[in-house]
Each structure stands twice: as C-alpha cells, then as structure tokens.
PDB file of all heavy atoms in Angstrom:
ATOM      1  N   SER A   1     151.151 103.432 157.179  1.00  0.00           N
ATOM      2  CA  SER A   1     151.258 103.323 155.630  1.00  0.00           C
ATOM      3  C   SER A   1     149.936 103.266 155.048  1.00  0.00           C
ATOM      4  O   SER A   1     149.772 103.268 153.788  1.00  0.00           O
ATOM      5  CB  SER A   1     152.075 102.199 155.264  1.00  0.00           C
ATOM      6  OG  SER A   1     151.311 100.820 155.777  1.00  0.00           O
ATOM      7  N   THR A   2     148.885 102.889 155.783  1.00  0.00           N
ATOM      8  CA  THR A   2     147.505 102.696 155.334  1.00  0.00           C
ATOM      9  C   THR A   2     146.533 103.906 155.435  1.00  0.00           C
ATOM     10  O   THR A   2     145.790 104.196 154.674  1.00  0.00           O
ATOM     11  CB  THR A   2     146.852 101.535 156.081  1.00  0.00           C
ATOM     12  OG1 THR A   2     147.573 100.297 155.968  1.00  0.00           O
ATOM     13  CG2 THR A   2     145.491 101.148 155.443  1.00  0.00           C
ATOM     14  N   TYR A   3     146.840 104.630 156.540  1.00  0.00           N
ATOM     15  CA  TYR A   3     145.927 105.659 156.836  1.00  0.00           C
ATOM     16  C   TYR A   3     145.879 106.791 155.809  1.00  0.00           C
ATOM     17  O   TYR A   3     147.035 107.263 155.407  1.00  0.00           O
ATOM     18  CB  TYR A   3     146.257 106.296 158.218  1.00  0.00           C
ATOM     19  CG  TYR A   3     145.365 107.337 158.716  1.00  0.00           C
ATOM     20  CD1 TYR A   3     144.125 107.100 159.453  1.00  0.00           C
ATOM     21  CD2 TYR A   3     145.732 108.717 158.613  1.00  0.00           C
ATOM     22  CE1 TYR A   3     143.280 108.018 159.971  1.00  0.00           C
ATOM     23  CE2 TYR A   3     144.896 109.678 159.153  1.00  0.00           C
ATOM     24  CZ  TYR A   3     143.699 109.366 159.706  1.00  0.00           C
ATOM     25  OH  TYR A   3     142.801 110.353 160.152  1.00  0.00           O
ATOM     26  N   ASP A   4     144.783 107.301 155.483  1.00  0.00           N
ATOM     27  CA  ASP A   4     144.660 108.422 154.662  1.00  0.00           C
ATOM     28  C   ASP A   4     143.781 109.566 155.456  1.00  0.00           C
ATOM     29  O   ASP A   4     144.338 110.614 155.884  1.00  0.00           O
ATOM     30  CB  ASP A   4     144.006 108.145 153.335  1.00  0.00           C
ATOM     31  CG  ASP A   4     143.924 109.508 152.474  1.00  0.00           C
ATOM     32  OD1 ASP A   4     144.544 110.417 152.597  1.00  0.00           O
ATOM     33  OD2 ASP A   4     143.193 109.410 151.404  1.00  0.00           O
ATOM     34  N   LYS A   5     142.494 109.266 155.501  1.00  0.00           N
ATOM     35  CA  LYS A   5     141.654 110.032 156.413  1.00  0.00           C
ATOM     36  C   LYS A   5     140.496 109.094 156.834  1.00  0.00           C
ATOM     37  O   LYS A   5     140.140 108.088 156.281  1.00  0.00           O
ATOM     38  CB  LYS A   5     141.090 111.228 155.585  1.00  0.00           C
ATOM     39  CG  LYS A   5     140.335 110.885 154.337  1.00  0.00           C
ATOM     40  CD  LYS A   5     139.784 112.172 153.538  1.00  0.00           C
ATOM     41  CE  LYS A   5     139.128 111.599 152.266  1.00  0.00           C
ATOM     42  NZ  LYS A   5     138.547 112.900 151.470  1.00  0.00           N
ATOM     43  N   GLY A   6     139.945 109.527 158.015  1.00  0.00           N
ATOM     44  CA  GLY A   6     138.962 108.703 158.633  1.00  0.00           C
ATOM     45  C   GLY A   6     139.326 108.410 160.164  1.00  0.00           C
ATOM     46  O   GLY A   6     139.875 109.312 160.764  1.00  0.00           O
ATOM     47  N   TYR A   7     139.171 107.243 160.698  1.00  0.00           N
ATOM     48  CA  TYR A   7     139.389 106.882 161.957  1.00  0.00           C
ATOM     49  C   TYR A   7     140.138 105.595 162.034  1.00  0.00           C
ATOM     50  O   TYR A   7     139.981 104.706 161.180  1.00  0.00           O
ATOM     51  CB  TYR A   7     138.083 106.788 162.764  1.00  0.00           C
ATOM     52  CG  TYR A   7     137.407 108.087 163.121  1.00  0.00           C
ATOM     53  CD1 TYR A   7     136.612 108.730 162.261  1.00  0.00           C
ATOM     54  CD2 TYR A   7     137.714 108.735 164.436  1.00  0.00           C
ATOM     55  CE1 TYR A   7     136.062 110.007 162.644  1.00  0.00           C
ATOM     56  CE2 TYR A   7     137.190 109.939 164.740  1.00  0.00           C
ATOM     57  CZ  TYR A   7     136.313 110.568 163.880  1.00  0.00           C
ATOM     58  OH  TYR A   7     135.653 111.738 164.148  1.00  0.00           O
ATOM     59  N   VAL A   8     140.842 105.496 163.123  1.00  0.00           N
ATOM     60  CA  VAL A   8     141.545 104.151 163.481  1.00  0.00           C
ATOM     61  C   VAL A   8     140.946 103.731 164.844  1.00  0.00           C
ATOM     62  O   VAL A   8     140.755 104.489 165.722  1.00  0.00           O
ATOM     63  CB  VAL A   8     142.987 104.370 163.667  1.00  0.00           C
ATOM     64  CG1 VAL A   8     143.579 102.929 164.062  1.00  0.00           C
ATOM     65  CG2 VAL A   8     143.719 104.848 162.382  1.00  0.00           C
ATOM     66  N   MET A   9     140.316 102.589 164.767  1.00  0.00           N
ATOM     67  CA  MET A   9     139.490 101.989 165.841  1.00  0.00           C
ATOM     68  C   MET A   9     140.307 100.956 166.483  1.00  0.00           C
ATOM     69  O   MET A   9     140.539  99.900 165.882  1.00  0.00           O
ATOM     70  CB  MET A   9     138.094 101.495 165.515  1.00  0.00           C
ATOM     71  CG  MET A   9     137.126 100.981 166.597  1.00  0.00           C
ATOM     72  SD  MET A   9     135.739 100.410 165.824  1.00  0.00           S
ATOM     73  CE  MET A   9     134.897  99.864 167.304  1.00  0.00           C
ATOM     74  N   LEU A  10     140.600 101.241 167.821  1.00  0.00           N
ATOM     75  CA  LEU A  10     141.464 100.209 168.544  1.00  0.00           C
ATOM     76  C   LEU A  10     140.493  99.490 169.543  1.00  0.00           C
ATOM     77  O   LEU A  10     139.578 100.076 170.181  1.00  0.00           O
ATOM     78  CB  LEU A  10     142.436 100.890 169.386  1.00  0.00           C
ATOM     79  CG  LEU A  10     143.611 101.524 168.666  1.00  0.00           C
ATOM     80  CD1 LEU A  10     144.716 102.131 169.557  1.00  0.00           C
ATOM     81  CD2 LEU A  10     144.421 100.327 167.807  1.00  0.00           C
ATOM     82  N   THR A  11     140.696  98.166 169.734  1.00  0.00           N
ATOM     83  CA  THR A  11     139.799  97.383 170.520  1.00  0.00           C
ATOM     84  C   THR A  11     140.486  96.503 171.520  1.00  0.00           C
ATOM     85  O   THR A  11     139.868  95.523 172.062  1.00  0.00           O
ATOM     86  CB  THR A  11     138.896  96.521 169.706  1.00  0.00           C
ATOM     87  OG1 THR A  11     139.604  95.589 169.025  1.00  0.00           O
ATOM     88  CG2 THR A  11     138.131  97.328 168.752  1.00  0.00           C
ATOM     89  N   ASP A  12     141.836  96.730 171.877  1.00  0.00           N
ATOM     90  CA  ASP A  12     142.620  95.644 172.581  1.00  0.00           C
ATOM     91  C   ASP A  12     143.584  96.331 173.342  1.00  0.00           C
ATOM     92  O   ASP A  12     144.437  97.299 172.934  1.00  0.00           O
ATOM     93  CB  ASP A  12     143.395  94.849 171.505  1.00  0.00           C
ATOM     94  CG  ASP A  12     143.726  93.381 172.025  1.00  0.00           C
ATOM     95  OD1 ASP A  12     144.286  93.547 173.277  1.00  0.00           O
ATOM     96  OD2 ASP A  12     143.364  92.403 171.429  1.00  0.00           O
ATOM     97  N   TYR A  13     143.526  95.950 174.634  1.00  0.00           N
ATOM     98  CA  TYR A  13     144.705  96.441 175.637  1.00  0.00           C
ATOM     99  C   TYR A  13     146.048  96.248 175.279  1.00  0.00           C
ATOM    100  O   TYR A  13     147.005  96.855 175.683  1.00  0.00           O
ATOM    101  CB  TYR A  13     144.411  95.988 177.089  1.00  0.00           C
ATOM    102  CG  TYR A  13     144.772  94.649 177.316  1.00  0.00           C
ATOM    103  CD1 TYR A  13     146.075  94.349 177.871  1.00  0.00           C
ATOM    104  CD2 TYR A  13     143.996  93.535 177.027  1.00  0.00           C
ATOM    105  CE1 TYR A  13     146.510  93.028 178.106  1.00  0.00           C
ATOM    106  CE2 TYR A  13     144.317  92.305 177.346  1.00  0.00           C
ATOM    107  CZ  TYR A  13     145.563  91.979 177.858  1.00  0.00           C
ATOM    108  OH  TYR A  13     146.083  90.680 178.086  1.00  0.00           O
ATOM    109  N   ARG A  14     146.157  95.184 174.473  1.00  0.00           N
ATOM    110  CA  ARG A  14     147.540  94.860 174.067  1.00  0.00           C
ATOM    111  C   ARG A  14     148.171  95.793 172.854  1.00  0.00           C
ATOM    112  O   ARG A  14     149.150  95.684 172.505  1.00  0.00           O
ATOM    113  CB  ARG A  14     147.660  93.359 173.411  1.00  0.00           C
ATOM    114  CG  ARG A  14     147.253  92.389 174.515  1.00  0.00           C
ATOM    115  CD  ARG A  14     146.971  91.061 174.051  1.00  0.00           C
ATOM    116  NE  ARG A  14     145.784  90.917 173.132  1.00  0.00           N
ATOM    117  CZ  ARG A  14     145.164  89.876 172.833  1.00  0.00           C
ATOM    118  NH1 ARG A  14     145.707  88.718 173.147  1.00  0.00           N
ATOM    119  NH2 ARG A  14     143.992  89.818 172.123  1.00  0.00           N
ATOM    120  N   LEU A  15     147.321  96.694 172.570  1.00  0.00           N
ATOM    121  CA  LEU A  15     147.696  97.775 171.527  1.00  0.00           C
ATOM    122  C   LEU A  15     147.644  99.225 172.014  1.00  0.00           C
ATOM    123  O   LEU A  15     147.561 100.177 171.158  1.00  0.00           O
ATOM    124  CB  LEU A  15     146.840  97.687 170.276  1.00  0.00           C
ATOM    125  CG  LEU A  15     146.689  96.311 169.633  1.00  0.00           C
ATOM    126  CD1 LEU A  15     145.601  96.150 168.521  1.00  0.00           C
ATOM    127  CD2 LEU A  15     147.992  95.680 169.214  1.00  0.00           C
ATOM    128  N   LEU A  16     147.903  99.364 173.340  1.00  0.00           N
ATOM    129  CA  LEU A  16     147.679 100.832 173.858  1.00  0.00           C
ATOM    130  C   LEU A  16     148.720 101.717 173.520  1.00  0.00           C
ATOM    131  O   LEU A  16     148.566 102.983 173.785  1.00  0.00           O
ATOM    132  CB  LEU A  16     147.455 100.624 175.333  1.00  0.00           C
ATOM    133  CG  LEU A  16     146.171 100.056 175.992  1.00  0.00           C
ATOM    134  CD1 LEU A  16     146.084 100.032 177.405  1.00  0.00           C
ATOM    135  CD2 LEU A  16     144.828 100.794 175.439  1.00  0.00           C
ATOM    136  N   MET A  17     149.839 101.270 173.069  1.00  0.00           N
ATOM    137  CA  MET A  17     150.992 102.208 172.731  1.00  0.00           C
ATOM    138  C   MET A  17     150.793 102.663 171.304  1.00  0.00           C
ATOM    139  O   MET A  17     151.545 103.582 170.856  1.00  0.00           O
ATOM    140  CB  MET A  17     152.412 101.594 172.997  1.00  0.00           C
ATOM    141  CG  MET A  17     152.632 101.276 174.496  1.00  0.00           C
ATOM    142  SD  MET A  17     154.241 100.826 174.800  1.00  0.00           S
ATOM    143  CE  MET A  17     155.157 102.282 174.621  1.00  0.00           C
ATOM    144  N   VAL A  18     149.892 102.011 170.438  1.00  0.00           N
ATOM    145  CA  VAL A  18     149.743 102.335 169.113  1.00  0.00           C
ATOM    146  C   VAL A  18     149.445 103.847 168.834  1.00  0.00           C
ATOM    147  O   VAL A  18     150.136 104.577 168.010  1.00  0.00           O
ATOM    148  CB  VAL A  18     148.729 101.418 168.516  1.00  0.00           C
ATOM    149  CG1 VAL A  18     148.334 102.174 167.125  1.00  0.00           C
ATOM    150  CG2 VAL A  18     149.239 100.095 168.263  1.00  0.00           C
ATOM    151  N   PRO A  19     148.481 104.404 169.605  1.00  0.00           N
ATOM    152  CA  PRO A  19     148.048 105.866 169.398  1.00  0.00           C
ATOM    153  C   PRO A  19     149.325 106.749 169.502  1.00  0.00           C
ATOM    154  O   PRO A  19     149.647 107.728 168.686  1.00  0.00           O
ATOM    155  CB  PRO A  19     147.119 106.217 170.333  1.00  0.00           C
ATOM    156  CG  PRO A  19     146.476 104.914 170.564  1.00  0.00           C
ATOM    157  CD  PRO A  19     147.461 103.803 170.639  1.00  0.00           C
ATOM    158  N   LYS A  20     150.142 106.610 170.647  1.00  0.00           N
ATOM    159  CA  LYS A  20     151.228 107.459 170.953  1.00  0.00           C
ATOM    160  C   LYS A  20     152.256 107.439 169.783  1.00  0.00           C
ATOM    161  O   LYS A  20     152.818 108.390 169.299  1.00  0.00           O
ATOM    162  CB  LYS A  20     151.954 107.125 172.243  1.00  0.00           C
ATOM    163  CG  LYS A  20     153.076 107.944 172.589  1.00  0.00           C
ATOM    164  CD  LYS A  20     153.752 107.457 173.793  1.00  0.00           C
ATOM    165  CE  LYS A  20     155.063 108.078 174.103  1.00  0.00           C
ATOM    166  NZ  LYS A  20     155.807 107.811 175.357  1.00  0.00           N
ATOM    167  N   ILE A  21     152.564 106.169 169.262  1.00  0.00           N
ATOM    168  CA  ILE A  21     153.506 105.917 168.267  1.00  0.00           C
ATOM    169  C   ILE A  21     153.056 106.562 166.913  1.00  0.00           C
ATOM    170  O   ILE A  21     153.892 107.216 166.263  1.00  0.00           O
ATOM    171  CB  ILE A  21     153.833 104.400 168.007  1.00  0.00           C
ATOM    172  CG1 ILE A  21     154.404 103.786 169.382  1.00  0.00           C
ATOM    173  CG2 ILE A  21     154.671 104.028 166.888  1.00  0.00           C
ATOM    174  CD1 ILE A  21     154.488 102.301 169.395  1.00  0.00           C
ATOM    175  N   CYS A  22     151.825 106.407 166.619  1.00  0.00           N
ATOM    176  CA  CYS A  22     151.271 106.915 165.277  1.00  0.00           C
ATOM    177  C   CYS A  22     151.268 108.466 165.366  1.00  0.00           C
ATOM    178  O   CYS A  22     151.730 108.962 164.340  1.00  0.00           O
ATOM    179  CB  CYS A  22     150.058 106.259 165.065  1.00  0.00           C
ATOM    180  SG  CYS A  22     149.959 104.469 164.630  1.00  0.00           S
ATOM    181  N   ILE A  23     150.751 109.003 166.433  1.00  0.00           N
ATOM    182  CA  ILE A  23     150.561 110.421 166.467  1.00  0.00           C
ATOM    183  C   ILE A  23     151.903 111.128 166.485  1.00  0.00           C
ATOM    184  O   ILE A  23     152.037 112.239 165.997  1.00  0.00           O
ATOM    185  CB  ILE A  23     149.842 110.699 167.745  1.00  0.00           C
ATOM    186  CG1 ILE A  23     148.265 110.336 167.602  1.00  0.00           C
ATOM    187  CG2 ILE A  23     149.867 112.322 168.039  1.00  0.00           C
ATOM    188  CD1 ILE A  23     147.532 110.526 168.949  1.00  0.00           C
ATOM    189  N   LYS A  24     152.865 110.453 166.970  1.00  0.00           N
ATOM    190  CA  LYS A  24     154.323 111.093 166.860  1.00  0.00           C
ATOM    191  C   LYS A  24     154.758 111.195 165.390  1.00  0.00           C
ATOM    192  O   LYS A  24     155.427 112.246 165.132  1.00  0.00           O
ATOM    193  CB  LYS A  24     155.357 110.243 167.516  1.00  0.00           C
ATOM    194  CG  LYS A  24     156.757 110.760 167.875  1.00  0.00           C
ATOM    195  CD  LYS A  24     157.597 109.818 168.631  1.00  0.00           C
ATOM    196  CE  LYS A  24     157.145 109.651 170.000  1.00  0.00           C
ATOM    197  NZ  LYS A  24     158.117 108.902 170.759  1.00  0.00           N
ATOM    198  N   THR A  25     154.311 110.464 164.514  1.00  0.00           N
ATOM    199  CA  THR A  25     154.479 110.576 163.092  1.00  0.00           C
ATOM    200  C   THR A  25     153.509 111.344 162.382  1.00  0.00           C
ATOM    201  O   THR A  25     153.964 112.200 161.597  1.00  0.00           O
ATOM    202  CB  THR A  25     154.867 109.144 162.490  1.00  0.00           C
ATOM    203  OG1 THR A  25     155.799 108.330 163.216  1.00  0.00           O
ATOM    204  CG2 THR A  25     155.127 109.137 160.975  1.00  0.00           C
ATOM    205  N   ASN A  26     152.326 110.975 162.751  1.00  0.00           N
ATOM    206  CA  ASN A  26     151.211 111.798 162.011  1.00  0.00           C
ATOM    207  C   ASN A  26     150.189 112.376 163.078  1.00  0.00           C
ATOM    208  O   ASN A  26     149.379 111.784 163.595  1.00  0.00           O
ATOM    209  CB  ASN A  26     150.475 110.859 161.101  1.00  0.00           C
ATOM    210  CG  ASN A  26     149.274 111.547 160.402  1.00  0.00           C
ATOM    211  OD1 ASN A  26     148.988 112.716 160.590  1.00  0.00           O
ATOM    212  ND2 ASN A  26     148.639 110.680 159.551  1.00  0.00           N
ATOM    213  N   PRO A  27     150.530 113.706 163.592  1.00  0.00           N
ATOM    214  CA  PRO A  27     149.666 114.325 164.581  1.00  0.00           C
ATOM    215  C   PRO A  27     148.233 114.330 164.242  1.00  0.00           C
ATOM    216  O   PRO A  27     147.288 114.554 165.076  1.00  0.00           O
ATOM    217  CB  PRO A  27     150.312 115.647 164.664  1.00  0.00           C
ATOM    218  CG  PRO A  27     151.640 115.538 164.189  1.00  0.00           C
ATOM    219  CD  PRO A  27     151.569 114.532 163.060  1.00  0.00           C
ATOM    220  N   GLY A  28     147.818 114.161 162.870  1.00  0.00           N
ATOM    221  CA  GLY A  28     146.459 114.469 162.490  1.00  0.00           C
ATOM    222  C   GLY A  28     145.651 113.143 162.455  1.00  0.00           C
ATOM    223  O   GLY A  28     144.486 113.158 162.156  1.00  0.00           O
ATOM    224  N   ILE A  29     146.334 112.069 162.770  1.00  0.00           N
ATOM    225  CA  ILE A  29     145.529 110.785 162.794  1.00  0.00           C
ATOM    226  C   ILE A  29     144.502 110.668 163.976  1.00  0.00           C
ATOM    227  O   ILE A  29     144.822 111.242 164.963  1.00  0.00           O
ATOM    228  CB  ILE A  29     146.634 109.627 162.916  1.00  0.00           C
ATOM    229  CG1 ILE A  29     145.857 108.257 162.555  1.00  0.00           C
ATOM    230  CG2 ILE A  29     147.230 109.402 164.236  1.00  0.00           C
ATOM    231  CD1 ILE A  29     146.854 107.165 162.233  1.00  0.00           C
TER     232      ILE A  29
END
C-alpha cells in the first residue's frame, strides 16, 4: 500500500517471506 517506485530494503531473517508475498501482487516491486 506504500510502494510506488524505488526499492524495498529488508534487513531481517524474520521477514524472508515478504518478497515472495509482495511480488505475487506486484511483480515490478
């Protein structure tokens, strides 16, 4: 809901499923 353009920076092993979940909805993220 926040992403427009740019990068999402992850820094935590507790969030490793986030890319897969987000890319499924927005392949361009």
